[in-house]
């Protein structure tokens, strides 16, 4: 079969997971996806997967700021605090199921 799946908004705020057949243009609603699960239409990740994703995000944010700490540059206290907060994320009360607002704010 040749086709793709997509989320189609419903009047009640939820979504239909729809399969679109590219050959004949026919669409089939596969199941309802609650609005709360919009980002996870195939099921929420396990805690192990959440932890892997959170660790990956933390490492990415640290790598993004590695240049702040090179020996020929003066790093500010706000930058040091941000990097330390990233290192301490594994002790956050929501770890590993972090929300966007749980992450420290990157200083300018």
N, C-alpha and C. Protein backbone atom coordinates (compact mmCIF):
# COMPACT_ATOMS: atom_id res chain seq x y z
N UNK A 1 0.83 -1.19 0.00
CA UNK A 1 0.00 0.00 0.00
C UNK A 1 0.87 1.24 0.00
N UNK A 2 0.38 2.24 -0.64
CA UNK A 2 1.09 3.51 -0.71
C UNK A 2 0.21 4.59 -0.09
N UNK A 3 0.70 5.17 0.97
CA UNK A 3 -0.09 6.19 1.64
C UNK A 3 0.63 6.74 2.85
N UNK A 4 -0.11 7.51 3.63
CA UNK A 4 0.46 8.12 4.82
C UNK A 4 -0.65 8.33 5.85
N UNK A 5 -0.24 8.56 7.09
CA UNK A 5 -1.18 8.83 8.16
C UNK A 5 -1.00 10.27 8.63
N UNK A 6 -2.09 10.86 9.07
CA UNK A 6 -2.02 12.21 9.62
C UNK A 6 -3.13 12.40 10.65
N UNK A 7 -2.98 13.44 11.46
CA UNK A 7 -3.99 13.77 12.47
C UNK A 7 -4.94 14.81 11.90
N UNK A 8 -6.22 14.53 11.97
CA UNK A 8 -7.25 15.42 11.46
C UNK A 8 -8.06 15.93 12.65
N UNK A 9 -8.10 17.26 12.87
CA UNK A 9 -8.85 17.81 14.00
C UNK A 9 -10.34 17.46 13.93
N UNK A 10 -10.92 17.19 15.10
CA UNK A 10 -12.34 16.90 15.22
C UNK A 10 -13.03 18.09 15.88
N UNK A 11 -14.34 18.15 15.75
CA UNK A 11 -15.10 19.24 16.36
C UNK A 11 -15.03 19.22 17.88
N UNK A 12 -14.80 18.06 18.48
CA UNK A 12 -14.77 17.96 19.95
C UNK A 12 -13.40 18.27 20.55
N UNK A 13 -12.43 18.67 19.72
CA UNK A 13 -11.09 19.02 20.21
C UNK A 13 -10.09 17.89 20.12
N UNK A 14 -10.56 16.66 19.92
CA UNK A 14 -9.66 15.53 19.76
C UNK A 14 -9.26 15.43 18.28
N UNK A 15 -8.59 14.34 17.92
CA UNK A 15 -8.11 14.14 16.55
C UNK A 15 -8.45 12.75 16.07
N UNK A 16 -8.66 12.63 14.78
CA UNK A 16 -8.75 11.32 14.14
C UNK A 16 -7.39 11.03 13.53
N UNK A 17 -6.86 9.82 13.79
CA UNK A 17 -5.67 9.37 13.08
C UNK A 17 -6.19 8.77 11.78
N UNK A 18 -5.84 9.39 10.67
CA UNK A 18 -6.41 9.05 9.37
C UNK A 18 -5.33 8.48 8.46
N UNK A 19 -5.67 7.40 7.76
CA UNK A 19 -4.79 6.85 6.73
C UNK A 19 -5.29 7.35 5.38
N UNK A 20 -4.40 8.00 4.63
CA UNK A 20 -4.73 8.48 3.29
C UNK A 20 -4.05 7.57 2.28
N UNK A 21 -4.85 6.88 1.46
CA UNK A 21 -4.34 6.01 0.42
C UNK A 21 -3.98 6.87 -0.78
N UNK A 22 -2.70 6.91 -1.10
CA UNK A 22 -2.22 7.78 -2.18
C UNK A 22 -2.62 7.29 -3.56
N UNK A 23 -2.97 6.02 -3.68
CA UNK A 23 -3.35 5.46 -4.97
C UNK A 23 -4.75 5.92 -5.38
N UNK A 24 -5.72 5.73 -4.49
CA UNK A 24 -7.10 6.07 -4.85
C UNK A 24 -7.64 7.30 -4.11
N UNK A 25 -6.84 7.91 -3.22
CA UNK A 25 -7.28 9.10 -2.50
C UNK A 25 -8.24 8.82 -1.36
N UNK A 26 -8.54 7.56 -1.11
CA UNK A 26 -9.48 7.21 -0.06
C UNK A 26 -8.84 7.40 1.31
N UNK A 27 -9.65 7.90 2.26
CA UNK A 27 -9.18 8.10 3.62
C UNK A 27 -9.96 7.23 4.58
N UNK A 28 -9.24 6.66 5.54
CA UNK A 28 -9.85 5.80 6.54
C UNK A 28 -9.44 6.29 7.92
N UNK A 29 -10.45 6.58 8.77
CA UNK A 29 -10.15 6.96 10.16
C UNK A 29 -9.75 5.70 10.91
N UNK A 30 -8.55 5.69 11.47
CA UNK A 30 -8.03 4.52 12.17
C UNK A 30 -8.46 4.49 13.63
N UNK A 31 -8.38 5.64 14.28
CA UNK A 31 -8.81 5.72 15.68
C UNK A 31 -8.80 7.18 16.13
N UNK A 32 -9.43 7.42 17.26
CA UNK A 32 -9.46 8.76 17.86
C UNK A 32 -8.22 8.93 18.74
N UNK A 33 -7.57 10.07 18.61
CA UNK A 33 -6.43 10.41 19.46
C UNK A 33 -6.86 11.59 20.33
N UNK A 34 -6.89 11.42 21.66
CA UNK A 34 -7.26 12.52 22.54
C UNK A 34 -6.32 13.71 22.37
N UNK A 35 -6.83 14.92 22.54
CA UNK A 35 -6.03 16.12 22.38
C UNK A 35 -4.77 16.07 23.25
N UNK A 36 -4.88 15.51 24.46
CA UNK A 36 -3.74 15.43 25.37
C UNK A 36 -2.63 14.54 24.81
N UNK A 37 -2.96 13.63 23.89
CA UNK A 37 -1.97 12.72 23.31
C UNK A 37 -1.58 13.10 21.89
N UNK A 38 -1.88 14.31 21.48
CA UNK A 38 -1.61 14.75 20.11
C UNK A 38 -0.14 14.53 19.72
N UNK A 39 0.77 14.80 20.65
CA UNK A 39 2.19 14.64 20.34
C UNK A 39 2.64 13.19 20.33
N UNK A 40 1.76 12.27 20.78
CA UNK A 40 2.10 10.86 20.87
C UNK A 40 0.99 10.02 20.25
N UNK A 41 0.67 10.18 18.97
CA UNK A 41 -0.46 9.46 18.37
C UNK A 41 -0.29 7.94 18.35
N UNK A 42 0.93 7.45 18.50
CA UNK A 42 1.17 6.00 18.48
C UNK A 42 1.45 5.46 19.88
N UNK A 43 1.19 6.29 20.90
CA UNK A 43 1.39 5.89 22.29
C UNK A 43 2.50 6.68 22.95
N UNK A 44 2.32 6.94 24.23
CA UNK A 44 3.32 7.68 25.00
C UNK A 44 4.57 6.83 25.20
N UNK A 45 5.73 7.49 25.24
CA UNK A 45 6.98 6.75 25.48
C UNK A 45 7.02 6.17 26.89
N UNK A 46 7.81 5.14 27.06
CA UNK A 46 8.04 4.56 28.39
C UNK A 46 8.93 5.52 29.18
N UNK A 47 9.05 5.29 30.49
CA UNK A 47 9.94 6.12 31.31
C UNK A 47 11.38 6.05 30.80
N UNK A 48 11.80 4.87 30.34
CA UNK A 48 13.15 4.73 29.80
C UNK A 48 13.33 5.59 28.55
N UNK A 49 12.31 5.61 27.70
CA UNK A 49 12.39 6.44 26.49
C UNK A 49 12.36 7.93 26.84
N UNK A 50 11.51 8.30 27.82
CA UNK A 50 11.50 9.69 28.28
C UNK A 50 12.87 10.09 28.81
N UNK A 51 13.48 9.21 29.59
CA UNK A 51 14.79 9.52 30.15
C UNK A 51 15.82 9.69 29.04
N UNK A 52 15.79 8.82 28.05
CA UNK A 52 16.71 8.94 26.93
C UNK A 52 16.52 10.27 26.19
N UNK A 53 15.25 10.64 25.97
CA UNK A 53 14.98 11.91 25.27
C UNK A 53 15.42 13.10 26.11
N UNK A 54 15.16 13.06 27.42
CA UNK A 54 15.54 14.16 28.29
C UNK A 54 17.06 14.29 28.38
N UNK A 55 17.75 13.16 28.51
CA UNK A 55 19.22 13.21 28.55
C UNK A 55 19.78 13.75 27.23
N UNK A 56 19.20 13.34 26.13
CA UNK A 56 19.65 13.82 24.83
C UNK A 56 19.45 15.33 24.70
N UNK A 57 18.30 15.81 25.16
CA UNK A 57 18.03 17.26 25.12
C UNK A 57 19.02 18.01 26.01
N UNK A 58 19.27 17.48 27.19
CA UNK A 58 20.22 18.12 28.11
C UNK A 58 21.61 18.18 27.49
N UNK A 59 22.06 17.07 26.91
CA UNK A 59 23.38 17.04 26.28
C UNK A 59 23.46 18.03 25.12
N UNK A 60 22.39 18.12 24.35
CA UNK A 60 22.35 19.07 23.24
C UNK A 60 22.50 20.50 23.75
N UNK A 61 21.76 20.83 24.80
CA UNK A 61 21.83 22.19 25.36
C UNK A 61 23.21 22.48 25.95
N UNK A 62 23.83 21.49 26.56
CA UNK A 62 25.19 21.70 27.07
C UNK A 62 26.19 21.89 25.93
N UNK A 63 26.09 21.05 24.91
CA UNK A 63 27.00 21.18 23.76
C UNK A 63 26.84 22.53 23.07
N UNK A 64 25.61 23.02 23.04
CA UNK A 64 25.32 24.30 22.42
C UNK A 64 26.05 25.45 23.13
N UNK A 65 26.37 25.25 24.39
CA UNK A 65 27.02 26.31 25.18
C UNK A 65 28.46 25.99 25.56
N UNK A 66 29.01 24.91 25.03
CA UNK A 66 30.40 24.56 25.34
C UNK A 66 31.36 25.70 25.02
N UNK A 67 31.08 26.44 23.97
CA UNK A 67 31.99 27.51 23.56
C UNK A 67 32.07 28.62 24.61
N UNK A 68 31.09 28.70 25.49
CA UNK A 68 31.15 29.70 26.57
C UNK A 68 32.33 29.44 27.49
N UNK A 69 32.72 28.19 27.63
CA UNK A 69 33.71 27.81 28.63
C UNK A 69 35.11 27.58 28.06
N UNK A 70 35.38 28.05 26.85
CA UNK A 70 36.73 27.89 26.30
C UNK A 70 37.69 28.78 27.08
N UNK A 71 38.95 28.38 27.11
CA UNK A 71 39.93 29.04 27.99
C UNK A 71 40.21 30.50 27.65
N UNK A 72 39.99 30.91 26.41
CA UNK A 72 40.29 32.30 26.05
C UNK A 72 39.05 33.20 26.08
N UNK A 73 38.03 32.77 26.82
CA UNK A 73 36.79 33.54 26.90
C UNK A 73 36.36 33.61 28.37
N UNK A 74 35.84 34.76 28.77
CA UNK A 74 35.34 34.91 30.14
C UNK A 74 33.86 34.50 30.18
N UNK A 75 33.57 33.50 31.00
CA UNK A 75 32.20 33.02 31.12
C UNK A 75 31.52 33.80 32.25
N UNK A 76 30.29 34.23 32.03
CA UNK A 76 29.56 34.99 33.05
C UNK A 76 29.00 34.04 34.11
N UNK A 77 28.63 34.61 35.25
CA UNK A 77 28.03 33.79 36.31
C UNK A 77 26.70 33.20 35.85
N UNK A 78 25.92 33.98 35.09
CA UNK A 78 24.63 33.49 34.58
C UNK A 78 24.84 32.29 33.66
N UNK A 79 25.89 32.31 32.85
CA UNK A 79 26.19 31.20 31.96
C UNK A 79 26.64 29.97 32.77
N UNK A 80 27.45 30.19 33.80
CA UNK A 80 27.86 29.08 34.67
C UNK A 80 26.65 28.46 35.35
N UNK A 81 25.77 29.33 35.85
CA UNK A 81 24.57 28.85 36.55
C UNK A 81 23.67 28.04 35.62
N UNK A 82 23.53 28.51 34.39
CA UNK A 82 22.71 27.80 33.40
C UNK A 82 23.27 26.41 33.13
N UNK A 83 24.58 26.34 32.89
CA UNK A 83 25.20 25.04 32.60
C UNK A 83 25.10 24.10 33.80
N UNK A 84 25.25 24.65 35.02
CA UNK A 84 25.12 23.82 36.21
C UNK A 84 23.68 23.33 36.36
N UNK A 85 22.72 24.20 36.07
CA UNK A 85 21.31 23.80 36.15
C UNK A 85 21.01 22.67 35.17
N UNK A 86 21.62 22.71 34.00
CA UNK A 86 21.45 21.62 33.04
C UNK A 86 22.03 20.32 33.59
N UNK A 87 23.21 20.41 34.21
CA UNK A 87 23.82 19.20 34.78
C UNK A 87 22.96 18.62 35.90
N UNK A 88 22.24 19.50 36.62
CA UNK A 88 21.42 19.08 37.75
C UNK A 88 20.01 18.64 37.36
N UNK A 89 19.68 18.62 36.09
CA UNK A 89 18.32 18.30 35.66
C UNK A 89 17.85 16.92 36.12
N UNK A 90 18.77 15.98 36.28
CA UNK A 90 18.37 14.63 36.68
C UNK A 90 17.83 14.60 38.11
N UNK A 91 18.01 15.67 38.88
CA UNK A 91 17.46 15.75 40.23
C UNK A 91 16.15 16.53 40.27
N UNK A 92 15.69 17.01 39.12
CA UNK A 92 14.43 17.76 39.04
C UNK A 92 13.27 16.86 39.45
N UNK A 93 12.29 17.41 40.13
CA UNK A 93 11.16 16.61 40.62
C UNK A 93 10.36 15.95 39.51
N UNK A 94 10.39 16.49 38.29
CA UNK A 94 9.64 15.90 37.17
C UNK A 94 10.48 14.95 36.32
N UNK A 95 11.76 14.79 36.65
CA UNK A 95 12.64 13.93 35.83
C UNK A 95 12.08 12.51 35.77
N UNK A 96 12.04 11.87 34.63
CA UNK A 96 12.46 12.33 33.31
C UNK A 96 11.33 12.94 32.48
N UNK A 97 10.13 13.06 33.06
CA UNK A 97 8.97 13.57 32.32
C UNK A 97 8.90 15.09 32.40
N UNK A 98 9.88 15.74 31.81
CA UNK A 98 10.00 17.19 31.91
C UNK A 98 9.04 17.91 30.99
N UNK A 99 8.54 19.03 31.48
CA UNK A 99 7.73 19.94 30.68
C UNK A 99 8.64 21.04 30.16
N UNK A 100 8.25 21.74 29.11
CA UNK A 100 9.10 22.81 28.59
C UNK A 100 9.50 23.85 29.65
N UNK A 101 8.60 24.15 30.57
CA UNK A 101 8.89 25.16 31.59
C UNK A 101 9.83 24.63 32.68
N UNK A 102 10.11 23.34 32.70
CA UNK A 102 11.05 22.77 33.68
C UNK A 102 12.50 23.06 33.34
N UNK A 103 12.77 23.31 32.08
CA UNK A 103 14.14 23.54 31.65
C UNK A 103 14.60 24.93 32.06
N UNK A 104 15.89 25.09 32.43
CA UNK A 104 16.39 26.41 32.77
C UNK A 104 16.39 27.32 31.53
N UNK A 105 16.28 28.60 31.79
CA UNK A 105 16.25 29.59 30.71
C UNK A 105 17.68 29.99 30.35
N UNK A 106 18.00 29.87 29.09
CA UNK A 106 19.35 30.20 28.60
C UNK A 106 19.57 31.70 28.68
N UNK A 107 20.65 32.14 29.34
CA UNK A 107 20.93 33.58 29.41
C UNK A 107 21.38 34.12 28.06
N UNK A 108 21.21 35.40 27.92
CA UNK A 108 21.63 36.07 26.67
C UNK A 108 23.14 36.17 26.60
